[in-house]
Amino acid sequence: MKLKKLEAKNISKSFNGNFLFKDLSIDLTIGDFMLINGDNGVGKSTLIKVLLGLIKSDSGLQNYLLNNSFKSSSGYI
């Protein structure tokens, strides 16, 4: 059984009433990789920043497990 590192439940983010993502849930465990793909301006970077806690989501909750090591051990390009 893999240990969870991040759990995000029903997170949403909008700008000016337009949702970039709504009620999104993600569970990541140690060793997982995630690819986020899409056109320019659809919210890929915003999603990553919300998951890393750099910006606040409009709703939902996130749990960082293993003493918040998710933030320090995560990277993105």
N, C-alpha and C. Protein backbone atom coordinates (compact mmCIF):
# COMPACT_ATOMS: atom_id res chain seq x y z
N MET A 1 0.84 -1.18 0.00
CA MET A 1 0.00 0.00 0.00
C MET A 1 0.88 1.25 0.00
N LYS A 2 0.63 2.16 -0.95
CA LYS A 2 1.40 3.38 -1.05
C LYS A 2 0.91 4.41 -0.04
N LEU A 3 1.85 5.23 0.44
CA LEU A 3 1.50 6.31 1.35
C LEU A 3 1.08 7.53 0.56
N LYS A 4 0.00 8.17 0.98
CA LYS A 4 -0.46 9.38 0.32
C LYS A 4 0.43 10.55 0.69
N LYS A 5 0.62 11.45 -0.26
CA LYS A 5 1.36 12.69 -0.02
C LYS A 5 0.47 13.90 -0.12
N LEU A 6 -0.52 13.85 -1.00
CA LEU A 6 -1.44 14.98 -1.18
C LEU A 6 -2.83 14.44 -1.42
N GLU A 7 -3.77 15.08 -0.79
CA GLU A 7 -5.17 14.77 -1.03
C GLU A 7 -5.89 16.09 -1.22
N ALA A 8 -6.49 16.28 -2.37
CA ALA A 8 -7.27 17.48 -2.66
C ALA A 8 -8.69 17.03 -2.97
N LYS A 9 -9.66 17.61 -2.30
CA LYS A 9 -11.05 17.21 -2.48
C LYS A 9 -11.89 18.41 -2.87
N ASN A 10 -12.54 18.28 -4.02
CA ASN A 10 -13.53 19.27 -4.48
C ASN A 10 -12.98 20.70 -4.53
N ILE A 11 -11.75 20.85 -5.01
CA ILE A 11 -11.19 22.20 -5.11
C ILE A 11 -11.71 22.89 -6.37
N SER A 12 -11.92 24.17 -6.25
CA SER A 12 -12.39 24.99 -7.37
C SER A 12 -11.62 26.30 -7.40
N LYS A 13 -11.46 26.83 -8.59
CA LYS A 13 -10.82 28.14 -8.74
C LYS A 13 -11.47 28.85 -9.92
N SER A 14 -11.85 30.09 -9.69
CA SER A 14 -12.46 30.88 -10.76
C SER A 14 -11.88 32.28 -10.76
N PHE A 15 -11.97 32.93 -11.90
CA PHE A 15 -11.60 34.33 -12.06
C PHE A 15 -12.75 35.03 -12.77
N ASN A 16 -13.20 36.11 -12.18
CA ASN A 16 -14.30 36.89 -12.77
C ASN A 16 -15.52 36.03 -13.11
N GLY A 17 -15.82 35.06 -12.26
CA GLY A 17 -16.99 34.21 -12.46
C GLY A 17 -16.80 33.06 -13.42
N ASN A 18 -15.63 32.95 -14.03
CA ASN A 18 -15.35 31.85 -14.96
C ASN A 18 -14.48 30.81 -14.26
N PHE A 19 -14.96 29.58 -14.18
CA PHE A 19 -14.23 28.51 -13.51
C PHE A 19 -13.10 27.99 -14.38
N LEU A 20 -11.90 27.91 -13.79
CA LEU A 20 -10.78 27.22 -14.44
C LEU A 20 -10.92 25.73 -14.17
N PHE A 21 -11.28 25.38 -12.95
CA PHE A 21 -11.62 24.02 -12.58
C PHE A 21 -12.62 24.07 -11.43
N LYS A 22 -13.48 23.06 -11.37
CA LYS A 22 -14.55 23.04 -10.38
C LYS A 22 -14.70 21.64 -9.82
N ASP A 23 -14.73 21.54 -8.49
CA ASP A 23 -14.92 20.28 -7.77
C ASP A 23 -13.93 19.20 -8.21
N LEU A 24 -12.67 19.59 -8.34
CA LEU A 24 -11.60 18.67 -8.75
C LEU A 24 -11.04 17.95 -7.52
N SER A 25 -10.89 16.65 -7.61
CA SER A 25 -10.31 15.86 -6.52
C SER A 25 -9.12 15.07 -7.05
N ILE A 26 -8.03 15.08 -6.27
CA ILE A 26 -6.79 14.39 -6.66
C ILE A 26 -6.19 13.74 -5.43
N ASP A 27 -5.72 12.51 -5.56
CA ASP A 27 -4.93 11.84 -4.53
C ASP A 27 -3.59 11.46 -5.15
N LEU A 28 -2.52 11.94 -4.57
CA LEU A 28 -1.19 11.58 -5.04
C LEU A 28 -0.47 10.83 -3.93
N THR A 29 0.26 9.81 -4.33
CA THR A 29 1.03 9.02 -3.36
C THR A 29 2.51 9.14 -3.69
N ILE A 30 3.33 8.65 -2.80
CA ILE A 30 4.77 8.70 -3.00
C ILE A 30 5.12 7.98 -4.31
N GLY A 31 5.92 8.65 -5.14
CA GLY A 31 6.36 8.07 -6.40
C GLY A 31 5.44 8.35 -7.58
N ASP A 32 4.29 8.97 -7.34
CA ASP A 32 3.37 9.28 -8.44
C ASP A 32 3.89 10.43 -9.29
N PHE A 33 3.56 10.38 -10.57
CA PHE A 33 3.80 11.46 -11.51
C PHE A 33 2.46 11.86 -12.08
N MET A 34 2.30 13.14 -12.36
CA MET A 34 1.04 13.62 -12.91
C MET A 34 1.35 14.53 -14.09
N LEU A 35 0.68 14.33 -15.20
CA LEU A 35 0.81 15.17 -16.37
C LEU A 35 -0.45 16.01 -16.48
N ILE A 36 -0.26 17.32 -16.61
CA ILE A 36 -1.38 18.23 -16.83
C ILE A 36 -1.17 18.82 -18.21
N ASN A 37 -2.12 18.58 -19.10
CA ASN A 37 -1.98 18.96 -20.49
C ASN A 37 -3.17 19.82 -20.90
N GLY A 38 -2.94 20.80 -21.74
CA GLY A 38 -4.04 21.62 -22.24
C GLY A 38 -3.53 22.85 -22.96
N ASP A 39 -4.45 23.56 -23.55
CA ASP A 39 -4.13 24.77 -24.29
C ASP A 39 -3.70 25.89 -23.35
N ASN A 40 -3.14 26.95 -23.94
CA ASN A 40 -2.75 28.13 -23.17
C ASN A 40 -3.97 28.74 -22.49
N GLY A 41 -3.79 29.13 -21.23
CA GLY A 41 -4.83 29.87 -20.54
C GLY A 41 -5.95 29.05 -19.94
N VAL A 42 -5.82 27.73 -19.89
CA VAL A 42 -6.92 26.91 -19.35
C VAL A 42 -6.77 26.62 -17.86
N GLY A 43 -5.64 27.02 -17.25
CA GLY A 43 -5.51 26.87 -15.80
C GLY A 43 -4.51 25.84 -15.31
N LYS A 44 -3.62 25.38 -16.17
CA LYS A 44 -2.64 24.36 -15.75
C LYS A 44 -1.72 24.88 -14.65
N SER A 45 -1.12 26.03 -14.87
CA SER A 45 -0.22 26.61 -13.86
C SER A 45 -0.98 26.99 -12.59
N THR A 46 -2.18 27.49 -12.76
CA THR A 46 -3.00 27.84 -11.59
C THR A 46 -3.31 26.61 -10.77
N LEU A 47 -3.63 25.50 -11.41
CA LEU A 47 -3.89 24.25 -10.68
C LEU A 47 -2.66 23.83 -9.88
N ILE A 48 -1.50 23.87 -10.50
CA ILE A 48 -0.27 23.49 -9.80
C ILE A 48 -0.04 24.41 -8.61
N LYS A 49 -0.22 25.71 -8.80
CA LYS A 49 -0.01 26.66 -7.71
C LYS A 49 -1.01 26.44 -6.58
N VAL A 50 -2.24 26.09 -6.91
CA VAL A 50 -3.22 25.77 -5.86
C VAL A 50 -2.80 24.51 -5.12
N LEU A 51 -2.38 23.48 -5.84
CA LEU A 51 -1.97 22.23 -5.20
C LEU A 51 -0.75 22.43 -4.31
N LEU A 52 0.14 23.33 -4.69
CA LEU A 52 1.33 23.60 -3.89
C LEU A 52 1.08 24.61 -2.77
N GLY A 53 -0.12 25.17 -2.75
CA GLY A 53 -0.46 26.13 -1.70
C GLY A 53 0.06 27.53 -1.96
N LEU A 54 0.46 27.82 -3.19
CA LEU A 54 0.97 29.15 -3.52
C LEU A 54 -0.15 30.16 -3.71
N ILE A 55 -1.31 29.68 -4.17
CA ILE A 55 -2.51 30.51 -4.21
C ILE A 55 -3.65 29.71 -3.62
N LYS A 56 -4.64 30.40 -3.11
CA LYS A 56 -5.75 29.76 -2.41
C LYS A 56 -6.86 29.37 -3.38
N SER A 57 -7.42 28.19 -3.18
CA SER A 57 -8.56 27.78 -3.98
C SER A 57 -9.81 28.51 -3.46
N ASP A 58 -10.83 28.58 -4.30
CA ASP A 58 -12.10 29.21 -3.90
C ASP A 58 -12.86 28.32 -2.93
N SER A 59 -12.75 27.00 -3.12
CA SER A 59 -13.45 26.05 -2.26
C SER A 59 -12.71 24.72 -2.25
N GLY A 60 -13.14 23.84 -1.39
CA GLY A 60 -12.52 22.53 -1.25
C GLY A 60 -11.43 22.56 -0.22
N LEU A 61 -10.79 21.41 -0.02
CA LEU A 61 -9.70 21.35 0.94
C LEU A 61 -8.59 20.45 0.47
N GLN A 62 -7.40 20.77 0.97
CA GLN A 62 -6.20 20.04 0.63
C GLN A 62 -5.51 19.60 1.90
N ASN A 63 -5.02 18.38 1.90
CA ASN A 63 -4.25 17.86 3.01
C ASN A 63 -2.89 17.44 2.48
N TYR A 64 -1.85 18.02 3.08
CA TYR A 64 -0.49 17.62 2.77
C TYR A 64 -0.06 16.67 3.88
N LEU A 65 0.33 15.50 3.52
CA LEU A 65 0.70 14.49 4.51
C LEU A 65 2.21 14.37 4.60
N LEU A 66 2.70 13.61 5.52
CA LEU A 66 4.14 13.42 5.74
C LEU A 66 4.83 14.74 6.04
N ASN A 67 4.30 15.49 7.02
CA ASN A 67 4.89 16.74 7.49
C ASN A 67 5.07 17.78 6.39
N ASN A 68 4.09 17.90 5.55
CA ASN A 68 4.11 18.88 4.47
C ASN A 68 5.30 18.74 3.53
N SER A 69 5.89 17.56 3.44
CA SER A 69 7.05 17.37 2.57
C SER A 69 6.68 17.43 1.10
N PHE A 70 5.39 17.38 0.79
CA PHE A 70 4.95 17.46 -0.60
C PHE A 70 5.44 18.74 -1.25
N LYS A 71 5.30 19.85 -0.55
CA LYS A 71 5.70 21.14 -1.11
C LYS A 71 7.20 21.19 -1.39
N SER A 72 7.99 20.71 -0.47
CA SER A 72 9.44 20.81 -0.63
C SER A 72 10.00 19.78 -1.62
N SER A 73 9.27 18.70 -1.86
CA SER A 73 9.77 17.67 -2.75
C SER A 73 9.10 17.69 -4.13
N SER A 74 8.27 18.71 -4.39
CA SER A 74 7.57 18.79 -5.66
C SER A 74 8.28 19.76 -6.59
N GLY A 75 8.17 19.46 -7.87
CA GLY A 75 8.74 20.34 -8.87
C GLY A 75 7.86 20.37 -10.09
N TYR A 76 7.95 21.45 -10.85
CA TYR A 76 7.21 21.53 -12.10
C TYR A 76 7.96 22.41 -13.08
N ILE A 77 7.69 22.17 -14.36
CA ILE A 77 8.32 22.93 -15.44
C ILE A 77 7.23 23.59 -16.24
